[in-house]
Structure formats: C-alpha cells, structure tokens
C-alpha cells in the first residue's frame, strides 16, 4: 500500500469516501429492498457488508485484460477505500450491530 500513496490525490480520497459513505450503502440498501430484513438491519448490512477483496480481484482481472491510462490512481483509490473502510467499520461495526440486535430483541 505505501507504494500506492503517491498516486492518491484529494479527488481520489473524495471518491473513496463517497464510495464508502454514500454510494455503497445506497446501492446495498436498494439491493436489499425486497429482503426480509427490517429497515435498520438493511441499513447495517448495506453499510457494513463485505467489501474489499472483490474490488482487488475485479481490478486485477480488468487490468490484465485492458490497459488503464491511470492504473496507479485506480489502484490507489481502491487501496484507500479498503483502508478507510477497515478503519471506519473496524471502529464502528460492533457498536452498530449491537444496537440493532439489541433494538430487535428488546421487548416492545
């Protein structure tokens, strides 16, 4: 990852944060629309769901098939997004899941 940081600029950071905090949760929310999950549970799965390795695999596969003009920037963006996700979700996922599970199991 340190080799990728020089290719990361502030626009890449903004895109990564938008992917992490807006685009991915919204896409997950929509994808889970017809699931049996309640609204809060769907929001947790949409925001804290599995991520990262698929991005690395897909980008690796695509870059083996075509040549990207800005490959270093794209790799840096993916690495930054995974790193930020690890920090954000590592610090918050347990608290969020405990709250949702606690709210679901609390007597009404």
Foldseek 3Di string as FASTA:
>chain_A
DVVLVVLEDVVLVVVLVCCQPPVQLVVQLVVCVPPPDDPLVSSLCSRLPDDQPVLVVVLVVVCVVDPDPSSSHSVSSSVSSVVVSCVVCVVPSVVSVVVVVCVVPDDD
